[in-house]
Amino acid sequence: PMEERAFLPGVSPTGDQAGWKGSKMKIEKEILDHIAMPYAVSLLSGPGLSGVVFASEDRGGPCRLYRPGQSAETLWTGPGGVMNVIPDGDATAVWSIRNFFPVFQSAGAEIVRSERQTDGRWTSEDKAALPYAHRIAHFMVDGVPHLLACSLCAEKEFEQDWSHPGAVYAGPIVPGQPLTLQ
């Protein structure tokens, strides 16, 4: 049986302190779906959308949202190669890195914003091409949303070529505009 202890001594996962003192938590495994090569996972928590997003690094792999008591929603099917998926600031959209395939077949990596429409469909928009992009983060500067992006390298001539270092980029998120990273 799987056991897990609280991160804080004397505090239960629900925040209760009384009676916890090293008690064991029972974890039940539930299979939600079958996705080949799942790689990216993110929690959405907002007024419009809450749940867990899983995406595949496999070619043509999907990205799906799972919410308690509801059927899975497909955000997209393909192209796959998802390295990272994060919530947008309002949690009605997600940002992702797509087209980063194993092993380092990722010169065509791109940053994409996908948004849930009022009818429940998801639409995706390519926001920036960034070869070998691997991680992204959403943050605010003086009330303006920004995106941080990191690439593993600038280019590769062969799989173990690390002669062209990666970089860290950032830029403001302007609705309706391409993402400009510097």
N, C-alpha and C. Protein backbone atom coordinates (compact mmCIF):
# COMPACT_ATOMS: atom_id res chain seq x y z
N PRO A 1 0.83 -1.21 0.00
CA PRO A 1 0.00 0.00 0.00
C PRO A 1 0.86 1.26 0.00
N MET A 2 0.39 2.28 -0.69
CA MET A 2 1.12 3.54 -0.75
C MET A 2 0.83 4.35 0.51
N GLU A 3 1.88 4.94 1.06
CA GLU A 3 1.71 5.78 2.24
C GLU A 3 2.36 7.13 1.96
N GLU A 4 1.80 8.15 2.55
CA GLU A 4 2.35 9.50 2.40
C GLU A 4 2.22 10.21 3.73
N ARG A 5 3.22 10.95 4.09
CA ARG A 5 3.17 11.70 5.34
C ARG A 5 3.03 13.19 5.01
N ALA A 6 2.49 13.93 5.92
CA ALA A 6 2.30 15.37 5.72
C ALA A 6 3.64 16.06 5.60
N PHE A 7 3.69 17.15 4.86
CA PHE A 7 4.91 17.92 4.71
C PHE A 7 5.26 18.66 6.00
N LEU A 8 4.25 19.02 6.76
CA LEU A 8 4.48 19.73 8.01
C LEU A 8 4.10 18.81 9.16
N PRO A 9 5.02 18.53 10.09
CA PRO A 9 4.68 17.64 11.20
C PRO A 9 3.47 18.15 11.96
N GLY A 10 2.53 17.23 12.22
CA GLY A 10 1.35 17.59 13.01
C GLY A 10 0.24 18.26 12.23
N VAL A 11 0.39 18.43 10.90
CA VAL A 11 -0.65 19.07 10.09
C VAL A 11 -1.12 18.08 9.04
N SER A 12 -2.41 17.81 9.01
CA SER A 12 -2.96 16.86 8.05
C SER A 12 -3.07 17.52 6.67
N PRO A 13 -3.27 16.72 5.61
CA PRO A 13 -3.44 17.29 4.28
C PRO A 13 -4.63 18.24 4.18
N THR A 14 -5.61 18.11 5.07
CA THR A 14 -6.78 19.00 5.04
C THR A 14 -6.57 20.23 5.91
N GLY A 15 -5.41 20.31 6.58
CA GLY A 15 -5.11 21.47 7.41
C GLY A 15 -5.47 21.27 8.87
N ASP A 16 -6.15 20.17 9.18
CA ASP A 16 -6.51 19.88 10.58
C ASP A 16 -5.26 19.51 11.37
N GLN A 17 -5.18 19.99 12.57
CA GLN A 17 -4.03 19.65 13.40
C GLN A 17 -4.39 18.63 14.46
N ALA A 18 -5.59 18.64 14.93
CA ALA A 18 -6.00 17.74 16.01
C ALA A 18 -6.01 16.30 15.51
N GLY A 19 -5.35 15.42 16.24
CA GLY A 19 -5.40 14.01 15.96
C GLY A 19 -4.54 13.54 14.80
N TRP A 20 -3.80 14.40 14.15
CA TRP A 20 -3.00 14.00 12.99
C TRP A 20 -1.75 13.26 13.44
N LYS A 21 -0.85 13.86 14.05
CA LYS A 21 0.37 13.33 14.66
C LYS A 21 0.88 12.03 14.04
N GLY A 22 1.26 12.09 12.78
CA GLY A 22 1.87 10.94 12.13
C GLY A 22 0.89 9.93 11.57
N SER A 23 -0.39 10.25 11.54
CA SER A 23 -1.37 9.35 10.95
C SER A 23 -1.03 9.10 9.49
N LYS A 24 -1.51 8.01 8.97
CA LYS A 24 -1.24 7.66 7.58
C LYS A 24 -2.41 8.08 6.70
N MET A 25 -2.08 8.47 5.49
CA MET A 25 -3.08 8.89 4.53
C MET A 25 -3.27 7.76 3.52
N LYS A 26 -4.48 7.42 3.20
CA LYS A 26 -4.76 6.39 2.22
C LYS A 26 -4.88 7.05 0.84
N ILE A 27 -4.13 6.54 -0.12
CA ILE A 27 -4.15 7.07 -1.48
C ILE A 27 -4.73 6.00 -2.40
N GLU A 28 -5.72 6.37 -3.18
CA GLU A 28 -6.32 5.45 -4.13
C GLU A 28 -5.96 5.88 -5.54
N LYS A 29 -5.48 4.94 -6.32
CA LYS A 29 -5.09 5.18 -7.71
C LYS A 29 -6.32 5.07 -8.60
N GLU A 30 -6.51 6.05 -9.48
CA GLU A 30 -7.62 6.03 -10.42
C GLU A 30 -7.07 6.35 -11.80
N ILE A 31 -7.34 5.49 -12.77
CA ILE A 31 -6.89 5.73 -14.14
C ILE A 31 -7.93 6.60 -14.83
N LEU A 32 -7.51 7.79 -15.25
CA LEU A 32 -8.42 8.74 -15.89
C LEU A 32 -8.48 8.56 -17.40
N ASP A 33 -7.36 8.09 -17.98
CA ASP A 33 -7.25 8.08 -19.43
C ASP A 33 -6.00 7.30 -19.82
N HIS A 34 -5.83 7.07 -21.09
CA HIS A 34 -4.61 6.46 -21.61
C HIS A 34 -4.03 7.43 -22.63
N ILE A 35 -2.93 8.06 -22.28
CA ILE A 35 -2.25 9.00 -23.16
C ILE A 35 -0.83 8.49 -23.34
N ALA A 36 -0.41 8.32 -24.60
CA ALA A 36 0.96 7.88 -24.87
C ALA A 36 1.94 8.98 -24.50
N MET A 37 2.98 8.61 -23.79
CA MET A 37 4.07 9.50 -23.44
C MET A 37 3.62 10.80 -22.77
N PRO A 38 2.80 10.73 -21.71
CA PRO A 38 2.42 11.97 -21.01
C PRO A 38 3.66 12.61 -20.40
N TYR A 39 3.81 13.91 -20.55
CA TYR A 39 5.02 14.57 -20.06
C TYR A 39 4.70 15.81 -19.24
N ALA A 40 3.82 16.64 -19.73
CA ALA A 40 3.53 17.91 -19.07
C ALA A 40 2.24 17.80 -18.27
N VAL A 41 2.24 18.39 -17.09
CA VAL A 41 1.06 18.41 -16.24
C VAL A 41 0.96 19.77 -15.56
N SER A 42 -0.26 20.24 -15.37
CA SER A 42 -0.44 21.53 -14.72
C SER A 42 -1.80 21.56 -14.03
N LEU A 43 -1.87 22.31 -12.95
CA LEU A 43 -3.13 22.53 -12.25
C LEU A 43 -3.73 23.84 -12.70
N LEU A 44 -5.02 23.83 -13.00
CA LEU A 44 -5.76 25.06 -13.28
C LEU A 44 -6.64 25.33 -12.08
N SER A 45 -6.59 26.55 -11.60
CA SER A 45 -7.40 26.90 -10.45
C SER A 45 -7.83 28.35 -10.60
N GLY A 46 -9.06 28.53 -11.01
CA GLY A 46 -9.55 29.89 -11.20
C GLY A 46 -11.05 29.91 -11.22
N PRO A 47 -11.62 31.09 -11.30
CA PRO A 47 -13.08 31.21 -11.27
C PRO A 47 -13.74 30.56 -12.48
N GLY A 48 -13.06 30.55 -13.62
CA GLY A 48 -13.67 30.00 -14.82
C GLY A 48 -13.35 28.55 -15.07
N LEU A 49 -12.27 28.05 -14.51
CA LEU A 49 -11.81 26.72 -14.85
C LEU A 49 -10.93 26.16 -13.76
N SER A 50 -11.22 24.95 -13.32
CA SER A 50 -10.37 24.27 -12.34
C SER A 50 -10.22 22.84 -12.80
N GLY A 51 -9.02 22.29 -12.62
CA GLY A 51 -8.78 20.91 -12.99
C GLY A 51 -7.31 20.65 -13.20
N VAL A 52 -7.03 19.52 -13.81
CA VAL A 52 -5.66 19.11 -14.09
C VAL A 52 -5.52 18.91 -15.59
N VAL A 53 -4.44 19.47 -16.16
CA VAL A 53 -4.16 19.34 -17.59
C VAL A 53 -2.97 18.41 -17.77
N PHE A 54 -3.12 17.43 -18.67
CA PHE A 54 -2.03 16.54 -19.04
C PHE A 54 -1.81 16.66 -20.54
N ALA A 55 -0.53 16.66 -20.96
CA ALA A 55 -0.21 16.74 -22.38
C ALA A 55 0.90 15.75 -22.72
N SER A 56 0.91 15.31 -23.96
CA SER A 56 1.84 14.28 -24.42
C SER A 56 3.02 14.88 -25.18
N GLU A 57 4.17 14.22 -25.01
CA GLU A 57 5.33 14.62 -25.81
C GLU A 57 5.40 13.80 -27.10
N ASP A 58 4.50 12.83 -27.27
CA ASP A 58 4.48 11.98 -28.45
C ASP A 58 4.01 12.77 -29.67
N ARG A 59 4.48 12.39 -30.85
CA ARG A 59 4.01 13.03 -32.08
C ARG A 59 2.51 12.80 -32.23
N GLY A 60 1.78 13.87 -32.46
CA GLY A 60 0.33 13.76 -32.60
C GLY A 60 -0.41 13.60 -31.28
N GLY A 61 0.33 13.67 -30.16
CA GLY A 61 -0.27 13.45 -28.85
C GLY A 61 -1.23 14.55 -28.44
N PRO A 62 -2.19 14.21 -27.59
CA PRO A 62 -3.21 15.16 -27.16
C PRO A 62 -2.83 15.94 -25.90
N CYS A 63 -3.68 16.89 -25.59
CA CYS A 63 -3.65 17.60 -24.31
C CYS A 63 -5.09 17.58 -23.82
N ARG A 64 -5.27 17.14 -22.56
CA ARG A 64 -6.62 17.02 -22.02
C ARG A 64 -6.73 17.64 -20.64
N LEU A 65 -7.94 18.12 -20.36
CA LEU A 65 -8.28 18.70 -19.06
C LEU A 65 -9.22 17.73 -18.35
N TYR A 66 -8.90 17.46 -17.08
CA TYR A 66 -9.72 16.58 -16.25
C TYR A 66 -10.24 17.38 -15.08
N ARG A 67 -11.58 17.34 -14.91
CA ARG A 67 -12.22 18.02 -13.79
C ARG A 67 -13.09 17.02 -13.05
N PRO A 68 -13.11 17.10 -11.73
CA PRO A 68 -13.90 16.14 -10.95
C PRO A 68 -15.35 16.08 -11.41
N GLY A 69 -15.83 14.86 -11.63
CA GLY A 69 -17.23 14.66 -11.97
C GLY A 69 -17.62 15.02 -13.38
N GLN A 70 -16.63 15.33 -14.26
CA GLN A 70 -16.94 15.71 -15.63
C GLN A 70 -16.11 14.88 -16.60
N SER A 71 -16.56 14.82 -17.84
CA SER A 71 -15.81 14.13 -18.88
C SER A 71 -14.56 14.93 -19.21
N ALA A 72 -13.53 14.23 -19.65
CA ALA A 72 -12.29 14.91 -20.05
C ALA A 72 -12.57 15.82 -21.25
N GLU A 73 -11.91 16.97 -21.26
CA GLU A 73 -12.00 17.89 -22.40
C GLU A 73 -10.69 17.82 -23.16
N THR A 74 -10.76 17.71 -24.48
CA THR A 74 -9.56 17.72 -25.30
C THR A 74 -9.26 19.15 -25.70
N LEU A 75 -8.10 19.65 -25.27
CA LEU A 75 -7.68 21.00 -25.65
C LEU A 75 -7.18 21.00 -27.08
N TRP A 76 -6.42 19.95 -27.43
CA TRP A 76 -5.97 19.75 -28.80
C TRP A 76 -5.55 18.31 -28.98
N THR A 77 -5.55 17.88 -30.24
CA THR A 77 -5.00 16.58 -30.63
C THR A 77 -3.89 16.91 -31.61
N GLY A 78 -2.66 16.66 -31.22
CA GLY A 78 -1.51 17.00 -32.05
C GLY A 78 -1.24 18.48 -32.03
N PRO A 79 -0.06 18.91 -32.32
CA PRO A 79 1.03 18.12 -32.90
C PRO A 79 1.80 17.30 -31.87
N GLY A 80 1.62 17.56 -30.57
CA GLY A 80 2.39 16.85 -29.55
C GLY A 80 3.71 17.54 -29.27
N GLY A 81 4.63 16.78 -28.68
CA GLY A 81 5.92 17.35 -28.32
C GLY A 81 5.80 18.40 -27.24
N VAL A 82 4.86 18.21 -26.31
CA VAL A 82 4.60 19.22 -25.27
C VAL A 82 5.58 19.04 -24.12
N MET A 83 6.35 20.07 -23.84
CA MET A 83 7.34 20.05 -22.76
C MET A 83 6.82 20.73 -21.51
N ASN A 84 5.91 21.67 -21.67
CA ASN A 84 5.45 22.46 -20.55
C ASN A 84 4.05 22.96 -20.86
N VAL A 85 3.20 22.99 -19.85
CA VAL A 85 1.87 23.59 -19.99
C VAL A 85 1.58 24.29 -18.67
N ILE A 86 1.18 25.56 -18.76
CA ILE A 86 0.94 26.37 -17.57
C ILE A 86 -0.36 27.15 -17.72
N PRO A 87 -1.01 27.48 -16.62
CA PRO A 87 -2.23 28.28 -16.73
C PRO A 87 -1.91 29.73 -17.07
N ASP A 88 -2.81 30.34 -17.81
CA ASP A 88 -2.74 31.78 -18.04
C ASP A 88 -3.16 32.42 -16.71
N GLY A 89 -2.97 33.68 -16.56
CA GLY A 89 -3.28 34.35 -15.31
C GLY A 89 -4.72 34.17 -14.84
N ASP A 90 -5.68 34.08 -15.78
CA ASP A 90 -7.08 33.98 -15.38
C ASP A 90 -7.60 32.54 -15.36
N ALA A 91 -6.75 31.58 -15.67
CA ALA A 91 -7.08 30.16 -15.67
C ALA A 91 -8.21 29.79 -16.63
N THR A 92 -8.46 30.59 -17.64
CA THR A 92 -9.40 30.19 -18.69
C THR A 92 -8.62 29.82 -19.96
N ALA A 93 -7.31 29.85 -19.84
CA ALA A 93 -6.44 29.54 -20.97
C ALA A 93 -5.17 28.90 -20.42
N VAL A 94 -4.43 28.27 -21.33
CA VAL A 94 -3.13 27.71 -20.97
C VAL A 94 -2.10 28.11 -22.02
N TRP A 95 -0.87 28.18 -21.57
CA TRP A 95 0.28 28.39 -22.44
C TRP A 95 1.02 27.06 -22.50
N SER A 96 1.60 26.75 -23.65
CA SER A 96 2.34 25.50 -23.76
C SER A 96 3.51 25.64 -24.72
N ILE A 97 4.42 24.71 -24.59
CA ILE A 97 5.50 24.54 -25.57
C ILE A 97 5.15 23.28 -26.34
N ARG A 98 5.03 23.39 -27.65
CA ARG A 98 4.73 22.24 -28.49
C ARG A 98 5.84 22.06 -29.52
N ASN A 99 5.85 20.89 -30.15
CA ASN A 99 6.83 20.53 -31.19
C ASN A 99 8.25 20.37 -30.66
N PHE A 100 8.38 19.91 -29.42
CA PHE A 100 9.69 19.55 -28.86
C PHE A 100 9.65 18.03 -28.67
N PHE A 101 10.21 17.31 -29.66
CA PHE A 101 10.10 15.86 -29.66
C PHE A 101 11.39 15.20 -29.18
N PRO A 102 11.25 14.02 -28.57
CA PRO A 102 12.45 13.28 -28.16
C PRO A 102 13.21 12.83 -29.41
N VAL A 103 14.42 12.73 -29.41
CA VAL A 103 15.41 13.26 -28.50
C VAL A 103 15.98 14.50 -29.17
N PHE A 104 15.65 15.67 -28.63
CA PHE A 104 16.11 16.98 -29.10
C PHE A 104 15.74 17.27 -30.55
N GLN A 105 14.65 16.71 -31.04
CA GLN A 105 14.13 17.06 -32.35
C GLN A 105 13.18 18.24 -32.14
N SER A 106 13.77 19.40 -31.87
CA SER A 106 12.94 20.50 -31.41
C SER A 106 13.33 21.86 -31.95
N ALA A 107 13.96 21.88 -33.10
CA ALA A 107 14.28 23.17 -33.72
C ALA A 107 13.00 23.92 -34.07
N GLY A 108 11.89 23.19 -34.22
CA GLY A 108 10.61 23.80 -34.56
C GLY A 108 9.71 24.06 -33.36
N ALA A 109 10.27 24.06 -32.15
CA ALA A 109 9.46 24.30 -30.94
C ALA A 109 8.78 25.66 -31.01
N GLU A 110 7.57 25.71 -30.46
CA GLU A 110 6.81 26.96 -30.48
C GLU A 110 6.04 27.14 -29.18
N ILE A 111 5.75 28.38 -28.87
CA ILE A 111 4.96 28.72 -27.69
C ILE A 111 3.55 29.03 -28.17
N VAL A 112 2.57 28.39 -27.54
CA VAL A 112 1.18 28.44 -27.99
C VAL A 112 0.27 28.81 -26.82
N ARG A 113 -0.74 29.62 -27.10
CA ARG A 113 -1.77 29.93 -26.10
C ARG A 113 -3.06 29.28 -26.56
N SER A 114 -3.68 28.50 -25.68
CA SER A 114 -4.94 27.82 -25.98
C SER A 114 -6.00 28.33 -25.01
N GLU A 115 -7.17 28.66 -25.56
CA GLU A 115 -8.21 29.27 -24.74
C GLU A 115 -9.53 28.53 -24.91
N ARG A 116 -10.23 28.37 -23.80
CA ARG A 116 -11.55 27.72 -23.82
C ARG A 116 -12.58 28.76 -24.23
N GLN A 117 -13.34 28.43 -25.26
CA GLN A 117 -14.38 29.32 -25.76
C GLN A 117 -15.67 29.12 -24.95
N THR A 118 -16.60 30.04 -25.06
CA THR A 118 -17.84 29.97 -24.29
C THR A 118 -18.67 28.72 -24.63
N ASP A 119 -18.49 28.16 -25.84
CA ASP A 119 -19.23 26.95 -26.22
C ASP A 119 -18.51 25.67 -25.78
N GLY A 120 -17.37 25.82 -25.06
CA GLY A 120 -16.64 24.66 -24.55
C GLY A 120 -15.51 24.18 -25.45
N ARG A 121 -15.46 24.65 -26.69
CA ARG A 121 -14.36 24.28 -27.58
C ARG A 121 -13.08 25.01 -27.17
N TRP A 122 -11.95 24.45 -27.53
CA TRP A 122 -10.66 25.09 -27.27
C TRP A 122 -10.06 25.52 -28.60
N THR A 123 -9.50 26.73 -28.63
CA THR A 123 -8.78 27.21 -29.81
C THR A 123 -7.35 27.49 -29.40
N SER A 124 -6.42 27.27 -30.33
CA SER A 124 -5.00 27.48 -30.05
C SER A 124 -4.42 28.47 -31.04
N GLU A 125 -3.51 29.30 -30.54
CA GLU A 125 -2.86 30.30 -31.38
C GLU A 125 -1.36 30.25 -31.13
N ASP A 126 -0.58 30.06 -32.21
CA ASP A 126 0.87 30.11 -32.11
C ASP A 126 1.27 31.54 -31.76
N LYS A 127 2.04 31.70 -30.69
CA LYS A 127 2.41 33.04 -30.25
C LYS A 127 3.87 33.38 -30.55
N ALA A 128 4.76 32.37 -30.57
CA ALA A 128 6.17 32.64 -30.85
C ALA A 128 6.88 31.34 -31.20
N ALA A 129 7.76 31.42 -32.17
CA ALA A 129 8.65 30.31 -32.48
C ALA A 129 9.89 30.49 -31.61
N LEU A 130 10.29 29.44 -30.92
CA LEU A 130 11.50 29.50 -30.09
C LEU A 130 12.16 28.13 -30.13
N PRO A 131 13.14 27.95 -31.04
CA PRO A 131 13.81 26.65 -31.14
C PRO A 131 14.32 26.17 -29.79
N TYR A 132 14.10 24.90 -29.52
CA TYR A 132 14.56 24.22 -28.30
C TYR A 132 13.97 24.82 -27.01
N ALA A 133 12.82 25.51 -27.13
CA ALA A 133 12.14 26.01 -25.93
C ALA A 133 11.76 24.83 -25.06
N HIS A 134 11.99 24.95 -23.75
CA HIS A 134 11.75 23.81 -22.86
C HIS A 134 10.87 24.14 -21.68
N ARG A 135 10.94 25.35 -21.14
CA ARG A 135 10.12 25.74 -20.00
C ARG A 135 9.62 27.17 -20.18
N ILE A 136 8.40 27.40 -19.64
CA ILE A 136 7.82 28.74 -19.64
C ILE A 136 7.19 29.00 -18.28
N ALA A 137 7.01 30.28 -17.97
CA ALA A 137 6.35 30.69 -16.73
C ALA A 137 5.61 32.00 -17.00
N HIS A 138 4.52 32.19 -16.29
CA HIS A 138 3.68 33.38 -16.41
C HIS A 138 3.93 34.22 -15.16
N PHE A 139 4.16 35.53 -15.32
CA PHE A 139 4.38 36.40 -14.16
C PHE A 139 3.91 37.81 -14.47
N MET A 140 3.76 38.62 -13.43
CA MET A 140 3.28 39.99 -13.58
C MET A 140 4.39 40.98 -13.27
N VAL A 141 4.42 42.09 -14.02
CA VAL A 141 5.33 43.21 -13.75
C VAL A 141 4.49 44.47 -13.79
N ASP A 142 4.34 45.12 -12.65
CA ASP A 142 3.55 46.34 -12.55
C ASP A 142 2.15 46.17 -13.16
N GLY A 143 1.52 45.03 -12.88
CA GLY A 143 0.17 44.77 -13.35
C GLY A 143 0.07 44.29 -14.79
N VAL A 144 1.20 44.14 -15.48
CA VAL A 144 1.21 43.69 -16.87
C VAL A 144 1.67 42.23 -16.91
N PRO A 145 0.89 41.32 -17.54
CA PRO A 145 1.32 39.93 -17.62
C PRO A 145 2.50 39.76 -18.57
N HIS A 146 3.41 38.90 -18.17
CA HIS A 146 4.61 38.59 -18.96
C HIS A 146 4.78 37.08 -19.05
N LEU A 147 5.55 36.66 -20.04
CA LEU A 147 5.91 35.26 -20.17
C LEU A 147 7.43 35.14 -20.15
N LEU A 148 7.90 34.19 -19.40
CA LEU A 148 9.32 33.85 -19.31
C LEU A 148 9.50 32.55 -20.06
N ALA A 149 10.52 32.45 -20.89
CA ALA A 149 10.77 31.23 -21.66
C ALA A 149 12.25 30.88 -21.61
N CYS A 150 12.54 29.60 -21.52
CA CYS A 150 13.92 29.13 -21.48
C CYS A 150 14.14 28.11 -22.59
N SER A 151 15.26 28.25 -23.29
CA SER A 151 15.61 27.28 -24.32
C SER A 151 16.84 26.51 -23.87
N LEU A 152 16.91 25.23 -24.26
CA LEU A 152 18.04 24.40 -23.86
C LEU A 152 19.31 24.75 -24.62
N CYS A 153 19.15 25.17 -25.87
CA CYS A 153 20.29 25.55 -26.70
C CYS A 153 19.76 26.40 -27.85
N ALA A 154 20.68 27.03 -28.57
CA ALA A 154 20.27 27.85 -29.71
C ALA A 154 20.09 27.00 -30.96
N GLU A 155 20.94 25.98 -31.09
CA GLU A 155 20.86 25.04 -32.21
C GLU A 155 21.66 23.80 -31.88
N LYS A 156 21.47 22.77 -32.67
CA LYS A 156 22.21 21.52 -32.51
C LYS A 156 22.57 20.97 -33.88
N GLU A 157 23.81 20.56 -34.02
CA GLU A 157 24.23 19.90 -35.25
C GLU A 157 24.10 18.39 -35.13
N PHE A 158 24.12 17.89 -33.89
CA PHE A 158 23.93 16.48 -33.59
C PHE A 158 23.43 16.39 -32.16
N GLU A 159 22.92 15.21 -31.76
CA GLU A 159 22.22 15.07 -30.48
C GLU A 159 23.00 15.58 -29.27
N GLN A 160 24.28 15.29 -29.17
CA GLN A 160 25.07 15.69 -28.00
C GLN A 160 25.81 17.01 -28.20
N ASP A 161 25.41 17.80 -29.18
CA ASP A 161 26.03 19.10 -29.44
C ASP A 161 25.48 20.13 -28.46
N TRP A 162 26.32 20.58 -27.54
CA TRP A 162 25.95 21.62 -26.58
C TRP A 162 26.81 22.87 -26.77
N SER A 163 27.32 23.06 -27.99
CA SER A 163 28.22 24.18 -28.26
C SER A 163 27.50 25.51 -28.46
N HIS A 164 26.18 25.49 -28.58
CA HIS A 164 25.39 26.72 -28.75
C HIS A 164 24.45 26.85 -27.56
N PRO A 165 24.84 27.59 -26.54
CA PRO A 165 24.06 27.63 -25.29
C PRO A 165 22.64 28.14 -25.47
N GLY A 166 21.79 27.68 -24.56
CA GLY A 166 20.42 28.16 -24.52
C GLY A 166 20.36 29.54 -23.87
N ALA A 167 19.16 30.03 -23.68
CA ALA A 167 19.00 31.38 -23.13
C ALA A 167 17.67 31.47 -22.39
N VAL A 168 17.53 32.56 -21.65
CA VAL A 168 16.29 32.89 -20.96
C VAL A 168 15.72 34.14 -21.62
N TYR A 169 14.44 34.10 -21.94
CA TYR A 169 13.77 35.20 -22.63
C TYR A 169 12.56 35.64 -21.82
N ALA A 170 12.13 36.87 -22.02
CA ALA A 170 10.92 37.36 -21.37
C ALA A 170 10.29 38.43 -22.27
N GLY A 171 8.98 38.58 -22.10
CA GLY A 171 8.30 39.62 -22.85
C GLY A 171 6.88 39.80 -22.36
N PRO A 172 6.30 40.98 -22.60
CA PRO A 172 4.92 41.24 -22.17
C PRO A 172 3.92 40.48 -23.02
N ILE A 173 2.81 40.12 -22.40
CA ILE A 173 1.71 39.47 -23.11
C ILE A 173 0.71 40.56 -23.47
N VAL A 174 0.56 40.82 -24.76
CA VAL A 174 -0.35 41.84 -25.25
C VAL A 174 -1.47 41.12 -26.01
N PRO A 175 -2.70 41.17 -25.51
CA PRO A 175 -3.81 40.47 -26.19
C PRO A 175 -3.90 40.84 -27.67
N GLY A 176 -4.07 39.79 -28.51
CA GLY A 176 -4.21 40.01 -29.94
C GLY A 176 -2.91 40.24 -30.69
N GLN A 177 -1.80 40.20 -29.98
CA GLN A 177 -0.49 40.45 -30.61
C GLN A 177 0.40 39.22 -30.48
N PRO A 178 1.37 39.06 -31.41
CA PRO A 178 2.35 38.00 -31.26
C PRO A 178 3.18 38.26 -29.99
N LEU A 179 3.72 37.23 -29.44
CA LEU A 179 4.56 37.35 -28.25
C LEU A 179 5.96 37.77 -28.69
N THR A 180 6.48 38.86 -28.12
CA THR A 180 7.82 39.32 -28.43
C THR A 180 8.71 39.03 -27.24
N LEU A 181 9.66 38.12 -27.44
CA LEU A 181 10.58 37.72 -26.37
C LEU A 181 11.95 38.29 -26.63
N GLN A 182 12.57 38.79 -25.56
CA GLN A 182 13.93 39.33 -25.67
C GLN A 182 14.80 38.69 -24.63
